[in-house]
Amino acid sequence: MLFTADTVLKPHDKPNRMVFFELHRGDGPTMIGMMRDDLLKLPGRGASRIRDALARGEALTVWQYALRKTEDGSYQEVPERQIELGAADAPRVTFGASIRLPDD
């Protein structure tokens, strides 16, 4: 069997995807997301990557998500706008996010 250097030496690329977190500021948690490739550039694991970067004084731009009702009556999380996180947000970020459906 013959392998090329590219096959042996190049790691399998994972697709870049959004990684979700919760930001606990204001009335309730807000779902935020950061692209996996951007997140992996920060040292640490999970939400500590974001918290530690913010604690060091780095400002981070993330996507804020909103819950929208679709035509078929289901709900979908969609990117709403980009927001900047600062040092004060460091303790307010947790890994993972929960979707809370409104009471209809």
Protein backbone atom coordinates (compact mmCIF):
# COMPACT_ATOMS: atom_id res chain seq x y z
CA MET A 1 0.00 0.00 0.00
CA LEU A 2 1.35 3.44 -0.94
CA PHE A 3 0.59 6.60 1.03
CA THR A 4 1.46 10.08 -0.07
CA ALA A 5 3.09 12.48 2.38
CA ASP A 6 -0.12 14.50 2.33
CA THR A 7 -2.14 11.48 3.49
CA VAL A 8 0.25 10.52 6.27
CA LEU A 9 1.32 13.93 7.57
CA LYS A 10 -1.78 16.07 7.13
CA PRO A 11 -4.35 15.72 9.94
CA HIS A 12 -7.94 15.26 8.92
CA ASP A 13 -9.55 18.66 8.70
CA LYS A 14 -12.67 19.17 10.75
CA PRO A 15 -15.18 21.58 9.26
CA ASN A 16 -15.24 25.03 10.82
CA ARG A 17 -18.47 25.32 12.79
CA MET A 18 -20.05 27.56 15.36
CA VAL A 19 -19.43 26.68 19.03
CA PHE A 20 -22.15 27.93 21.36
CA PHE A 21 -21.91 29.51 24.80
CA GLU A 22 -24.21 31.38 27.13
CA LEU A 23 -23.58 34.94 28.21
CA HIS A 24 -25.23 35.71 31.56
CA ARG A 25 -25.75 39.44 31.44
CA GLY A 26 -29.01 41.38 31.79
CA ASP A 27 -32.39 39.71 32.23
CA GLY A 28 -31.37 36.19 31.27
CA PRO A 29 -28.78 34.15 29.42
CA THR A 30 -28.09 34.99 25.80
CA MET A 31 -26.82 32.45 23.30
CA ILE A 32 -23.55 33.49 21.72
CA GLY A 33 -21.36 31.69 19.22
CA MET A 34 -17.76 31.74 18.05
CA MET A 35 -16.32 29.92 15.07
CA ARG A 36 -14.38 26.81 16.11
CA ASP A 37 -11.20 27.87 14.30
CA ASP A 38 -11.19 31.24 16.10
CA LEU A 39 -11.89 29.58 19.44
CA LEU A 40 -9.02 27.10 19.00
CA LYS A 41 -6.58 29.99 18.54
CA LEU A 42 -7.14 30.87 22.20
CA PRO A 43 -5.33 28.85 24.88
CA GLY A 44 -7.34 26.71 27.31
CA ARG A 45 -10.38 24.43 27.08
CA GLY A 46 -14.09 25.11 26.58
CA ALA A 47 -15.44 28.39 27.93
CA SER A 48 -12.15 28.99 29.76
CA ARG A 49 -10.66 29.92 26.38
CA ILE A 50 -13.03 32.87 26.18
CA ARG A 51 -13.00 33.72 29.90
CA ASP A 52 -9.20 33.70 30.11
CA ALA A 53 -8.80 35.84 26.99
CA LEU A 54 -11.28 38.38 28.35
CA ALA A 55 -9.60 38.37 31.78
CA ARG A 56 -6.28 39.14 30.03
CA GLY A 57 -7.92 42.24 28.56
CA GLU A 58 -8.56 40.93 25.05
CA ALA A 59 -11.80 42.09 23.48
CA LEU A 60 -13.60 39.34 21.55
CA THR A 61 -16.26 39.68 18.89
CA VAL A 62 -18.89 36.92 18.91
CA TRP A 63 -22.28 36.32 17.32
CA GLN A 64 -25.42 36.82 19.40
CA TYR A 65 -28.27 34.48 18.46
CA ALA A 66 -32.02 35.08 18.59
CA LEU A 67 -34.92 32.66 18.55
CA ARG A 68 -37.22 33.09 15.54
CA LYS A 69 -40.45 31.33 14.69
CA THR A 70 -40.43 29.82 11.20
CA GLU A 71 -43.34 29.60 8.76
CA ASP A 72 -44.12 26.03 9.82
CA GLY A 73 -44.43 27.10 13.48
CA SER A 74 -41.12 25.66 14.66
CA TYR A 75 -38.35 27.72 16.21
CA GLN A 76 -34.86 28.29 14.92
CA GLU A 77 -31.82 29.98 16.44
CA VAL A 78 -30.42 32.51 13.97
CA PRO A 79 -27.46 34.88 14.18
CA GLU A 80 -28.80 38.31 15.11
CA ARG A 81 -25.75 40.55 15.38
CA GLN A 82 -22.12 40.64 16.35
CA ILE A 83 -21.32 41.88 19.84
CA GLU A 84 -18.05 42.63 21.58
CA LEU A 85 -17.21 41.04 24.90
CA GLY A 86 -14.89 42.76 27.36
CA ALA A 87 -13.12 41.95 30.61
CA ALA A 88 -16.31 42.42 32.68
CA ASP A 89 -17.93 39.56 30.72
CA ALA A 90 -15.26 37.00 31.66
CA PRO A 91 -17.18 35.45 34.60
CA ARG A 92 -20.47 35.64 32.67
CA VAL A 93 -19.61 33.14 29.92
CA THR A 94 -20.47 29.43 30.28
CA PHE A 95 -19.88 26.57 27.84
CA GLY A 96 -22.88 25.25 25.94
CA ALA A 97 -26.24 26.90 25.51
CA SER A 98 -29.84 26.02 26.22
CA ILE A 99 -32.67 27.06 23.96
CA ARG A 100 -35.66 28.35 25.85
CA LEU A 101 -38.88 28.25 23.85
CA PRO A 102 -41.37 31.03 24.56
CA ASP A 103 -44.70 30.15 26.15
CA ASP A 104 -47.26 30.40 23.34
